[in-house]
Amino acid sequence: MKKTVPQRIFSAVLMTLISVSVMFPLAWMAIAGFKGKTEVLRSPFQFFPQMWRWDNYSAILADPQFMRAMGVTVVGALIFTALSLTVNTLAAYAFARLEFTGKRFWWVYCLTPMFIPAMAILLTSFMVVSELGMLDTLAVLIIPGSASAAQMFFIRQFYLGFPMAVEEAALVDGATRWQIFTRVFLPQSAAPFVVMGIASYLAYWNAYVWPVLTITDPDLTQIMQFLGNFRSDRGNDWGLLMAGSTLASIPTIGLLLVFQRFIVNGVRISGIK
C-alpha cells in the first residue's frame, strides 16, 4: 500500500528524531574529547568546545596502559567469540537434529540460566573460578561465559528450519552426522553466526563487573575496567576520559556497520520477531 504524503512526512520526521536521539550521546562523547578538563561539565551546557584540542586523543593513544588494555580486550573478545560460537553451535545442532536419552530434560536444563539473573550467581561463580585457580588469567574471562543459553536457543531455532529432506538425502548417500553438520549446516549459518558472534563480542567487550572481580594483573586489565578506574587513577580529566571512551567504542561501531545486513537477516530467519 502506497503511503500518502502526510504519512511519508511523519515517517521521515519520526526516523530523524530517533536517529538524533541515538546519535546525540555518541556525538557529544566524541566532541567532548576535544574539550579541556573542566569544560566537559561546564554549566550552562555547551555542545562544542571553545577551542578544539587534539591533546586528549594524542595523549590517550600514547598511553601504554590504554593501548595494552585495548589490545588484550580485542584478543580476548576474538577468542571468546570463536569459542562461544563453537560450543553453542554444536549444542544447538544436537538439540535440533539428534535424538538421545533425556533430550527434553537437558534442553530445559540448558535453558534455565536464561531465567536466572547473572548477579544472583556472581558470588558462587567467583568462588568456583577461585578454587580452580583461574583468577588473573585470560581464561577466567573467556571460559565461564562461553556456553550461552540464549545463543543455543537462537541457533537451534535456525537449524529447526532446515528441510529434513536435505538431511535425509545426505544420510542415504552415506554422509555421517559430522559431515552433514560441517558441509550442509555450517555453510548456511553465516547470518545467525554474525548475529551471535557480534553479541558475544559485545558481551565480552562491555563486561565490567566480572573483570573487576577476577582480574588484578595490570597486564590483563580490560578496556572497560581501565575506563572504570580512570577517575581514581587519573583524576577528573573528563576530556581525556571522553577521548578514551570514544576510541574504545570504535571497534564495536565498526562491527555493527560492516555486518548490519547480516544482523537483519539473522533476526528475520531465526523466527524471533
Foldseek 3Di string as FASTA:
>chain_A
DDDDPVVVVVVVVVVVVVVCVVCVVLLQLQQLLQEFLPLSPDPPDDRHHPDGHCVLLVVLVPDPLLVLQLVLLVVLLVVLLVLLCVVLLVLLCCLQPNDDPCSVVVLCVLLVVVVPDPVVCVVVLLVVCVVVVNFAHSCSLRPPPSHDNVLNLLNNLLVNPDDVVVVVVCVVVPDDPVCCCVPPVVVVCPLSSLQSSLVSSCCSLCDAPSCVSRHDDSSNNHNNVCLVCCCVVPNSRSSSSSSSVSVSCVVSVVSCVVCVVSPVVSCVSSPHD
